[in-house]
Amino acid sequence: MPWLLCKREDLSYLDLFRNMLTWKFPHCLKNWQRLRVLSLSSNHLSGIIPSSIGQFPSLTWLDLRDDNFSGEFPQ
């Protein structure tokens, strides 16, 4: 993940659908408290989905299909 995106605390919409990305789930996700839409689908992403994904008060759309994430989806 480009480090500049991690610095964007005002990020509300991130759509990286079908970009051939290969990194693991972004650790800076906790910085995006205003995030409403997150689409990372149809890439080559991997790793465990962090538990913090279920703690976003504004998140209304989450699309992680067709990637290689492991583990259970956090409650």
PDB file of N, CA and C in Angstrom:
ATOM      1  N   MET A   1       0.846  -1.169   0.000  1.00  0.00           N
ATOM      2  CA  MET A   1       0.000   0.000   0.000  1.00  0.00           C
ATOM      3  C   MET A   1       0.888   1.228   0.000  1.00  0.00           C
ATOM      4  N   PRO A   2       0.637   2.131  -0.876  1.00  0.00           N
ATOM      5  CA  PRO A   2       1.420   3.363  -0.873  1.00  0.00           C
ATOM      6  C   PRO A   2       1.294   4.079   0.478  1.00  0.00           C
ATOM      7  N   TRP A   3       2.425   4.462   1.032  1.00  0.00           N
ATOM      8  CA  TRP A   3       2.426   5.063   2.370  1.00  0.00           C
ATOM      9  C   TRP A   3       1.644   6.369   2.399  1.00  0.00           C
ATOM     10  N   LEU A   4       1.477   7.043   1.280  1.00  0.00           N
ATOM     11  CA  LEU A   4       0.703   8.292   1.261  1.00  0.00           C
ATOM     12  C   LEU A   4      -0.759   8.059   1.597  1.00  0.00           C
ATOM     13  N   LEU A   5      -1.305   6.923   1.185  1.00  0.00           N
ATOM     14  CA  LEU A   5      -2.693   6.610   1.540  1.00  0.00           C
ATOM     15  C   LEU A   5      -2.843   6.423   3.042  1.00  0.00           C
ATOM     16  N   CYS A   6      -1.823   5.879   3.672  1.00  0.00           N
ATOM     17  CA  CYS A   6      -1.884   5.658   5.120  1.00  0.00           C
ATOM     18  C   CYS A   6      -1.933   6.976   5.895  1.00  0.00           C
ATOM     19  N   LYS A   7      -1.420   8.016   5.326  1.00  0.00           N
ATOM     20  CA  LYS A   7      -1.413   9.318   5.993  1.00  0.00           C
ATOM     21  C   LYS A   7      -2.746  10.052   5.853  1.00  0.00           C
ATOM     22  N   ARG A   8      -3.640   9.568   4.988  1.00  0.00           N
ATOM     23  CA  ARG A   8      -4.901  10.243   4.702  1.00  0.00           C
ATOM     24  C   ARG A   8      -5.956   9.884   5.737  1.00  0.00           C
ATOM     25  N   GLU A   9      -6.045  10.612   6.802  1.00  0.00           N
ATOM     26  CA  GLU A   9      -7.030  10.345   7.845  1.00  0.00           C
ATOM     27  C   GLU A   9      -8.431  10.786   7.444  1.00  0.00           C
ATOM     28  N   ASP A  10      -8.544  11.608   6.405  1.00  0.00           N
ATOM     29  CA  ASP A  10      -9.842  12.095   5.959  1.00  0.00           C
ATOM     30  C   ASP A  10     -10.446  11.220   4.859  1.00  0.00           C
ATOM     31  N   LEU A  11      -9.828  10.094   4.567  1.00  0.00           N
ATOM     32  CA  LEU A  11     -10.261   9.218   3.492  1.00  0.00           C
ATOM     33  C   LEU A  11     -11.658   8.672   3.786  1.00  0.00           C
ATOM     34  N   SER A  12     -12.593   8.842   2.840  1.00  0.00           N
ATOM     35  CA  SER A  12     -13.940   8.316   3.031  1.00  0.00           C
ATOM     36  C   SER A  12     -14.331   7.302   1.965  1.00  0.00           C
ATOM     37  N   TYR A  13     -13.621   7.285   0.834  1.00  0.00           N
ATOM     38  CA  TYR A  13     -13.960   6.391  -0.275  1.00  0.00           C
ATOM     39  C   TYR A  13     -12.666   5.873  -0.888  1.00  0.00           C
ATOM     40  N   LEU A  14     -12.514   4.563  -0.906  1.00  0.00           N
ATOM     41  CA  LEU A  14     -11.326   3.973  -1.511  1.00  0.00           C
ATOM     42  C   LEU A  14     -11.753   2.771  -2.345  1.00  0.00           C
ATOM     43  N   ASP A  15     -11.617   2.899  -3.645  1.00  0.00           N
ATOM     44  CA  ASP A  15     -11.979   1.830  -4.569  1.00  0.00           C
ATOM     45  C   ASP A  15     -10.742   1.459  -5.376  1.00  0.00           C
ATOM     46  N   LEU A  16     -10.170   0.302  -5.065  1.00  0.00           N
ATOM     47  CA  LEU A  16      -8.990  -0.193  -5.761  1.00  0.00           C
ATOM     48  C   LEU A  16      -9.307  -1.503  -6.474  1.00  0.00           C
ATOM     49  N   PHE A  17     -10.540  -1.642  -6.915  1.00  0.00           N
ATOM     50  CA  PHE A  17     -11.042  -2.825  -7.611  1.00  0.00           C
ATOM     51  C   PHE A  17     -10.195  -3.141  -8.844  1.00  0.00           C
ATOM     52  N   ARG A  18      -9.793  -4.402  -8.941  1.00  0.00           N
ATOM     53  CA  ARG A  18      -9.103  -4.953 -10.111  1.00  0.00           C
ATOM     54  C   ARG A  18      -7.887  -4.122 -10.538  1.00  0.00           C
ATOM     55  N   ASN A  19      -6.939  -3.976  -9.618  1.00  0.00           N
ATOM     56  CA  ASN A  19      -5.719  -3.230  -9.894  1.00  0.00           C
ATOM     57  C   ASN A  19      -4.458  -4.095  -9.851  1.00  0.00           C
ATOM     58  N   MET A  20      -4.631  -5.419  -9.733  1.00  0.00           N
ATOM     59  CA  MET A  20      -3.487  -6.342  -9.702  1.00  0.00           C
ATOM     60  C   MET A  20      -2.560  -6.056  -8.510  1.00  0.00           C
ATOM     61  N   LEU A  21      -3.126  -5.622  -7.405  1.00  0.00           N
ATOM     62  CA  LEU A  21      -2.344  -5.334  -6.207  1.00  0.00           C
ATOM     63  C   LEU A  21      -1.938  -6.640  -5.535  1.00  0.00           C
ATOM     64  N   THR A  22      -0.799  -6.653  -4.882  1.00  0.00           N
ATOM     65  CA  THR A  22      -0.308  -7.889  -4.266  1.00  0.00           C
ATOM     66  C   THR A  22       0.070  -7.732  -2.801  1.00  0.00           C
ATOM     67  N   TRP A  23      -0.178  -6.599  -2.179  1.00  0.00           N
ATOM     68  CA  TRP A  23       0.226  -6.406  -0.792  1.00  0.00           C
ATOM     69  C   TRP A  23      -0.743  -7.049   0.180  1.00  0.00           C
ATOM     70  N   LYS A  24      -0.372  -7.069   1.431  1.00  0.00           N
ATOM     71  CA  LYS A  24      -1.236  -7.605   2.485  1.00  0.00           C
ATOM     72  C   LYS A  24      -2.229  -6.524   2.913  1.00  0.00           C
ATOM     73  N   PHE A  25      -3.154  -6.900   3.760  1.00  0.00           N
ATOM     74  CA  PHE A  25      -4.172  -5.947   4.220  1.00  0.00           C
ATOM     75  C   PHE A  25      -3.477  -4.762   4.882  1.00  0.00           C
ATOM     76  N   PRO A  26      -3.884  -3.554   4.562  1.00  0.00           N
ATOM     77  CA  PRO A  26      -3.200  -2.365   5.083  1.00  0.00           C
ATOM     78  C   PRO A  26      -3.285  -2.250   6.608  1.00  0.00           C
ATOM     79  N   HIS A  27      -2.143  -2.092   7.247  1.00  0.00           N
ATOM     80  CA  HIS A  27      -2.108  -1.935   8.708  1.00  0.00           C
ATOM     81  C   HIS A  27      -2.559  -0.538   9.131  1.00  0.00           C
ATOM     82  N   CYS A  28      -2.518   0.394   8.228  1.00  0.00           N
ATOM     83  CA  CYS A  28      -2.906   1.762   8.561  1.00  0.00           C
ATOM     84  C   CYS A  28      -4.414   1.950   8.534  1.00  0.00           C
ATOM     85  N   LEU A  29      -5.145   0.864   8.347  1.00  0.00           N
ATOM     86  CA  LEU A  29      -6.594   0.922   8.279  1.00  0.00           C
ATOM     87  C   LEU A  29      -7.203   1.663   9.469  1.00  0.00           C
ATOM     88  N   LYS A  30      -6.604   1.550  10.611  1.00  0.00           N
ATOM     89  CA  LYS A  30      -7.133   2.195  11.818  1.00  0.00           C
ATOM     90  C   LYS A  30      -7.163   3.715  11.696  1.00  0.00           C
ATOM     91  N   ASN A  31      -6.388   4.271  10.775  1.00  0.00           N
ATOM     92  CA  ASN A  31      -6.360   5.726  10.568  1.00  0.00           C
ATOM     93  C   ASN A  31      -7.579   6.238   9.809  1.00  0.00           C
ATOM     94  N   TRP A  32      -8.309   5.342   9.165  1.00  0.00           N
ATOM     95  CA  TRP A  32      -9.397   5.751   8.274  1.00  0.00           C
ATOM     96  C   TRP A  32     -10.753   5.698   8.964  1.00  0.00           C
ATOM     97  N   GLN A  33     -10.934   6.432  10.020  1.00  0.00           N
ATOM     98  CA  GLN A  33     -12.169   6.397  10.803  1.00  0.00           C
ATOM     99  C   GLN A  33     -13.371   6.988  10.064  1.00  0.00           C
ATOM    100  N   ARG A  34     -13.144   7.764   9.013  1.00  0.00           N
ATOM    101  CA  ARG A  34     -14.241   8.353   8.230  1.00  0.00           C
ATOM    102  C   ARG A  34     -14.586   7.515   7.006  1.00  0.00           C
ATOM    103  N   LEU A  35     -13.933   6.392   6.849  1.00  0.00           N
ATOM    104  CA  LEU A  35     -14.120   5.560   5.673  1.00  0.00           C
ATOM    105  C   LEU A  35     -15.551   5.035   5.586  1.00  0.00           C
ATOM    106  N   ARG A  36     -16.196   5.276   4.449  1.00  0.00           N
ATOM    107  CA  ARG A  36     -17.559   4.799   4.206  1.00  0.00           C
ATOM    108  C   ARG A  36     -17.574   3.655   3.207  1.00  0.00           C
ATOM    109  N   VAL A  37     -16.686   3.697   2.204  1.00  0.00           N
ATOM    110  CA  VAL A  37     -16.635   2.683   1.150  1.00  0.00           C
ATOM    111  C   VAL A  37     -15.204   2.180   1.008  1.00  0.00           C
ATOM    112  N   LEU A  38     -15.045   0.856   1.065  1.00  0.00           N
ATOM    113  CA  LEU A  38     -13.743   0.241   0.859  1.00  0.00           C
ATOM    114  C   LEU A  38     -13.911  -0.946  -0.076  1.00  0.00           C
ATOM    115  N   SER A  39     -13.337  -0.848  -1.262  1.00  0.00           N
ATOM    116  CA  SER A  39     -13.386  -1.935  -2.227  1.00  0.00           C
ATOM    117  C   SER A  39     -11.962  -2.303  -2.622  1.00  0.00           C
ATOM    118  N   LEU A  40     -11.556  -3.499  -2.227  1.00  0.00           N
ATOM    119  CA  LEU A  40     -10.231  -4.019  -2.557  1.00  0.00           C
ATOM    120  C   LEU A  40     -10.359  -5.297  -3.379  1.00  0.00           C
ATOM    121  N   SER A  41     -11.510  -5.549  -3.932  1.00  0.00           N
ATOM    122  CA  SER A  41     -11.786  -6.823  -4.580  1.00  0.00           C
ATOM    123  C   SER A  41     -11.058  -7.011  -5.898  1.00  0.00           C
ATOM    124  N   SER A  42     -10.942  -8.289  -6.262  1.00  0.00           N
ATOM    125  CA  SER A  42     -10.363  -8.725  -7.537  1.00  0.00           C
ATOM    126  C   SER A  42      -8.926  -8.253  -7.729  1.00  0.00           C
ATOM    127  N   ASN A  43      -8.148  -8.372  -6.693  1.00  0.00           N
ATOM    128  CA  ASN A  43      -6.713  -8.119  -6.744  1.00  0.00           C
ATOM    129  C   ASN A  43      -6.017  -9.426  -6.375  1.00  0.00           C
ATOM    130  N   HIS A  44      -4.841  -9.359  -5.849  1.00  0.00           N
ATOM    131  CA  HIS A  44      -4.123 -10.535  -5.361  1.00  0.00           C
ATOM    132  C   HIS A  44      -3.701 -10.280  -3.913  1.00  0.00           C
ATOM    133  N   LEU A  45      -4.600  -9.693  -3.155  1.00  0.00           N
ATOM    134  CA  LEU A  45      -4.301  -9.338  -1.772  1.00  0.00           C
ATOM    135  C   LEU A  45      -4.356 -10.575  -0.889  1.00  0.00           C
ATOM    136  N   SER A  46      -3.594 -10.553   0.197  1.00  0.00           N
ATOM    137  CA  SER A  46      -3.542 -11.707   1.087  1.00  0.00           C
ATOM    138  C   SER A  46      -3.387 -11.241   2.528  1.00  0.00           C
ATOM    139  N   GLY A  47      -3.351 -12.207   3.422  1.00  0.00           N
ATOM    140  CA  GLY A  47      -3.173 -11.912   4.838  1.00  0.00           C
ATOM    141  C   GLY A  47      -4.477 -12.044   5.597  1.00  0.00           C
ATOM    142  N   ILE A  48      -4.402 -11.781   6.869  1.00  0.00           N
ATOM    143  CA  ILE A  48      -5.564 -11.879   7.756  1.00  0.00           C
ATOM    144  C   ILE A  48      -6.302 -10.552   7.758  1.00  0.00           C
ATOM    145  N   ILE A  49      -7.620 -10.613   7.718  1.00  0.00           N
ATOM    146  CA  ILE A  49      -8.431  -9.398   7.814  1.00  0.00           C
ATOM    147  C   ILE A  49      -8.350  -8.921   9.262  1.00  0.00           C
ATOM    148  N   PRO A  50      -7.883  -7.696   9.489  1.00  0.00           N
ATOM    149  CA  PRO A  50      -7.708  -7.223  10.864  1.00  0.00           C
ATOM    150  C   PRO A  50      -9.044  -7.045  11.589  1.00  0.00           C
ATOM    151  N   SER A  51      -9.034  -7.273  12.884  1.00  0.00           N
ATOM    152  CA  SER A  51     -10.259  -7.144  13.674  1.00  0.00           C
ATOM    153  C   SER A  51     -10.803  -5.721  13.660  1.00  0.00           C
ATOM    154  N   SER A  52      -9.959  -4.749  13.395  1.00  0.00           N
ATOM    155  CA  SER A  52     -10.398  -3.346  13.391  1.00  0.00           C
ATOM    156  C   SER A  52     -11.381  -3.038  12.265  1.00  0.00           C
ATOM    157  N   ILE A  53     -11.493  -3.917  11.268  1.00  0.00           N
ATOM    158  CA  ILE A  53     -12.400  -3.666  10.149  1.00  0.00           C
ATOM    159  C   ILE A  53     -13.858  -3.599  10.618  1.00  0.00           C
ATOM    160  N   GLY A  54     -14.180  -4.270  11.689  1.00  0.00           N
ATOM    161  CA  GLY A  54     -15.543  -4.250  12.211  1.00  0.00           C
ATOM    162  C   GLY A  54     -15.841  -3.078  13.128  1.00  0.00           C
ATOM    163  N   GLN A  55     -14.900  -2.178  13.303  1.00  0.00           N
ATOM    164  CA  GLN A  55     -15.052  -1.088  14.264  1.00  0.00           C
ATOM    165  C   GLN A  55     -15.156   0.285  13.611  1.00  0.00           C
ATOM    166  N   PHE A  56     -15.497   0.329  12.341  1.00  0.00           N
ATOM    167  CA  PHE A  56     -15.616   1.606  11.645  1.00  0.00           C
ATOM    168  C   PHE A  56     -17.048   2.099  11.705  1.00  0.00           C
ATOM    169  N   PRO A  57     -17.291   3.213  12.369  1.00  0.00           N
ATOM    170  CA  PRO A  57     -18.655   3.692  12.547  1.00  0.00           C
ATOM    171  C   PRO A  57     -19.323   4.138  11.248  1.00  0.00           C
ATOM    172  N   SER A  58     -18.563   4.527  10.251  1.00  0.00           N
ATOM    173  CA  SER A  58     -19.142   5.068   9.018  1.00  0.00           C
ATOM    174  C   SER A  58     -19.135   4.091   7.854  1.00  0.00           C
ATOM    175  N   LEU A  59     -18.511   2.932   7.998  1.00  0.00           N
ATOM    176  CA  LEU A  59     -18.361   2.006   6.882  1.00  0.00           C
ATOM    177  C   LEU A  59     -19.717   1.411   6.488  1.00  0.00           C
ATOM    178  N   THR A  60     -20.122   1.657   5.240  1.00  0.00           N
ATOM    179  CA  THR A  60     -21.386   1.139   4.739  1.00  0.00           C
ATOM    180  C   THR A  60     -21.194   0.129   3.612  1.00  0.00           C
ATOM    181  N   TRP A  61     -20.023   0.101   2.974  1.00  0.00           N
ATOM    182  CA  TRP A  61     -19.767  -0.837   1.879  1.00  0.00           C
ATOM    183  C   TRP A  61     -18.350  -1.384   2.016  1.00  0.00           C
ATOM    184  N   LEU A  62     -18.251  -2.693   2.058  1.00  0.00           N
ATOM    185  CA  LEU A  62     -16.957  -3.364   2.143  1.00  0.00           C
ATOM    186  C   LEU A  62     -16.949  -4.494   1.126  1.00  0.00           C
ATOM    187  N   ASP A  63     -16.011  -4.470   0.192  1.00  0.00           N
ATOM    188  CA  ASP A  63     -15.938  -5.489  -0.848  1.00  0.00           C
ATOM    189  C   ASP A  63     -14.527  -6.068  -0.867  1.00  0.00           C
ATOM    190  N   LEU A  64     -14.399  -7.323  -0.435  1.00  0.00           N
ATOM    191  CA  LEU A  64     -13.107  -8.009  -0.363  1.00  0.00           C
ATOM    192  C   LEU A  64     -13.129  -9.300  -1.177  1.00  0.00           C
ATOM    193  N   ARG A  65     -14.091  -9.459  -2.055  1.00  0.00           N
ATOM    194  CA  ARG A  65     -14.228 -10.724  -2.789  1.00  0.00           C
ATOM    195  C   ARG A  65     -13.108 -10.920  -3.802  1.00  0.00           C
ATOM    196  N   ASP A  66     -12.918 -12.160  -4.138  1.00  0.00           N
ATOM    197  CA  ASP A  66     -11.931 -12.558  -5.143  1.00  0.00           C
ATOM    198  C   ASP A  66     -10.505 -12.132  -4.802  1.00  0.00           C
ATOM    199  N   ASP A  67     -10.164 -12.199  -3.530  1.00  0.00           N
ATOM    200  CA  ASP A  67      -8.798 -11.996  -3.070  1.00  0.00           C
ATOM    201  C   ASP A  67      -8.370 -13.238  -2.296  1.00  0.00           C
ATOM    202  N   ASN A  68      -7.238 -13.196  -1.646  1.00  0.00           N
ATOM    203  CA  ASN A  68      -6.700 -14.368  -0.954  1.00  0.00           C
ATOM    204  C   ASN A  68      -6.565 -14.148   0.546  1.00  0.00           C
ATOM    205  N   PHE A  69      -7.533 -13.481   1.141  1.00  0.00           N
ATOM    206  CA  PHE A  69      -7.486 -13.256   2.582  1.00  0.00           C
ATOM    207  C   PHE A  69      -7.722 -14.563   3.318  1.00  0.00           C
ATOM    208  N   SER A  70      -7.189 -14.652   4.528  1.00  0.00           N
ATOM    209  CA  SER A  70      -7.342 -15.869   5.323  1.00  0.00           C
ATOM    210  C   SER A  70      -7.991 -15.534   6.658  1.00  0.00           C
ATOM    211  N   GLY A  71      -8.472 -16.565   7.312  1.00  0.00           N
ATOM    212  CA  GLY A  71      -9.086 -16.393   8.623  1.00  0.00           C
ATOM    213  C   GLY A  71     -10.553 -16.050   8.510  1.00  0.00           C
ATOM    214  N   GLU A  72     -11.143 -15.803   9.652  1.00  0.00           N
ATOM    215  CA  GLU A  72     -12.569 -15.484   9.737  1.00  0.00           C
ATOM    216  C   GLU A  72     -12.762 -13.980   9.663  1.00  0.00           C
ATOM    217  N   PHE A  73     -13.945 -13.592   9.198  1.00  0.00           N
ATOM    218  CA  PHE A  73     -14.255 -12.168   9.174  1.00  0.00           C
ATOM    219  C   PHE A  73     -14.546 -11.710  10.595  1.00  0.00           C
ATOM    220  N   PRO A  74     -13.913 -10.639  11.050  1.00  0.00           N
ATOM    221  CA  PRO A  74     -14.113 -10.154  12.416  1.00  0.00           C
ATOM    222  C   PRO A  74     -15.542  -9.683  12.647  1.00  0.00           C
ATOM    223  N   GLN A  75     -16.037  -9.885  13.854  1.00  0.00           N
ATOM    224  CA  GLN A  75     -17.383  -9.440  14.221  1.00  0.00           C
ATOM    225  C   GLN A  75     -17.407  -7.982  14.572  1.00  0.00           C
TER     226      GLN A  75
END
